[in-house]
Amino acid sequence: MTEQGHIFILLVAHLAMTGLPMVAATLLAARAGVRRIPVLLAVGLAASGVIAMLTFWAYFADPTIGETLSFFVLFGSLLATIWVLYERRLDRELLRGLATPLALWVLGSAFLVFLGFVHGGDDNPLQTASVRFNAANLPSDNDIPHFFTEWFYAHGHNGTPPIFQPDWHFSDRPPLQVGYMLGQRPILWDAKLLDYQLIGVVLQQLWIVGLWALLVAARLGRVTRALAILAVLTSDVAIVNGFFVWPKMLPAAMILAAAALAMTVEWSEVRTSLWGAALVAALLGVAMLGHGSSLFGVIPIAIIALRHGPPSWRWIGVAAAVGLVLLAPWSYYQRHGDPPGNRLNKWMLAGVMDVDPRSTRETIFDSYGEAGFGGALHNKAENFVTMAGGGPAWQNVEHAWNAVTDGHPGDALREIRTMLFLYFVPSLGLLAFALVAMAFARKPGRKRAEEWRFALNCLFVVAVGALFWGLILFGNWPSRTVLHVGSFVLPILAFCACVVGLRAVFPRFAIYYVAISSVLMLAVYVPMLEPGGSYSATGFLLSAASLACFGLVAVGAGGPAGALGRIRPLTVRLRPSRSEV
């Protein structure tokens, strides 16, 4: 079997194992009476994350219990899916609406996997991922979930997990991705870690499902939706951080699904339903268990939801209870199971990288006391300059230009990749200039009003999230606001704001502009900069075909009315009606 054929078979297997619990939960919710596509997708993502956390705690209790749960989830999800489809109680329009994001997720995963391994490297996938799309070796963060997956798979709660060198405790980073990995660890796993890498890519690409839920809930036209999701798929954010499988894109998927419920017309029903409270809380809780920086996306989305109408105190109570059930066990483990569990908090909030016995609060007070008012103010200003790409980013541009004039295009690409990887506004590439067009264009007419409103809402989330991000992080270089220490939901929504806003004011021009932007981004990331390695024409064709099919599926999906499904209250029918009997 060829190298690409082996990768293809494993990818299909891991897509199936990762997707089955989502599909089963979504179909069961549809069978219970939920008919809105964004809500159903949110149910699927929430169920997937909750099952991952249940799997982690099952392995923590005892590896035998965890392994039993892994097989139960796989075969139970398969049987539930077959049962619902066999009943044929769901109409074809609804099933087509659900099949679209599933197909996009599969194709987006295939695009990135084959692009990543087009130059070989599947014999050492984690090392390949650290150099494939970046200017230099990325840190070993993509190996951390694997390291602790192996520990809990073998030991459960017996003993304290070992230190990940040089000095990382398991409790320093949330466990969501470890839970997902444990779910597939006893079923399909190889010593070379290709399975681990493929599972990681598949998980990071779940942002596609979350973003599709948001775009559909926002009632955007099919071309606008397709342009937005294609722009993100071909961006540096999705390519680099999707293939280098540190757990950063995965929580963004959960926040995007929550945004679909809180930033759109869905909120009018979600905020009056206790079932909706549990769903929103589950999504946000799972996101926080994926990465702590999710907070910078949660805050502005919550503000938009409150602007559209606050929920009842009863709703808030249910949401708080669900969040507590999800987060409290991990918080307790951090303090008592593997203390102190505050390394990242002290790093980001106080600028202290060295391990010491101080508490987070004490470290923050000490760091701000040493900096003084003037130093703290300077650090915050530097945070916002970093987001905008001032200073070092311009040096990357200068170095890239000099490399081109000296006849070294490879060095120029390295500088460009460094700039795109580190700095928020430059990471948008050509699409950053769409903000200028939006600022000076005439206000769109009624036909494009929905798109314009959505773009402004996205910009609001990005601006407020960036404001909190810049103010909360301490601001020296260990804790500066480089892109990968924040929530990736912010750049994803920034891409959406640029694309949808441009489409609202210059509909036809937006198509060509987004296409040019995507092609240029691919031109930056397709080449292999490291010497050596092979080249697979089959891998390249599979990646290109996946991308082409992704675009066709996104453009060919039905309009807002068809994708949203029939308008029905967010209720669950526990018993069939008399007419059904």
Foldseek 3Di string as FASTA:
>chain_A
DDPVVVLVVLLVVLLLLLQLQLLLQLLVQVVQPDQFQLVSLLRSLLRSLVQLLVLLLLLLVPLVSSQVSLVCSNVVSVVSNCVSVVVVPDDPLSVLLNVLLSLLLSLLLLLLVLLLCQQHDLLQQLQSLQAQFALDGDDSLLCVLVQVLVVSNPARLNDARDADPPGHGPLQAFNRLNSVCSSCVVPDADPSCSSVQSSLLSLLSLLSSLQLSQCLLLQDWLVLQLLLSLLVSLFLCSNSCSRNRRLFSNLLSLLSSLLSCQQGPNVVQLLADLVSLLSSLSSLLSSCSRGVLCVLLVVLSVVNSVVVPHHDPVSVVSSVVNSCVSVVVSCVCAVPVTPDSCQVLLCFQQVDNDDDDDDSVVSNVVSCVVCDPVNQVVLLVLLVCQQQCPDPLVVLVVQLVVCVVVPNNLSNLNSLSVSLQWYNLCSSPPLSCLVVVLVPFDQFDPVLNSLLVLLVSLVSSLVSSSNCQSNRTRRDVSNHPTPRNHRPNNSSSNSSSSLSSSCRRPVVVSVVSSVVRSVVSCVSNSDGSDPDGRGHPVSVVSSVVSSVVSSVSSSPDDGSVSSRGDDDRSDGNPDDDPVVD
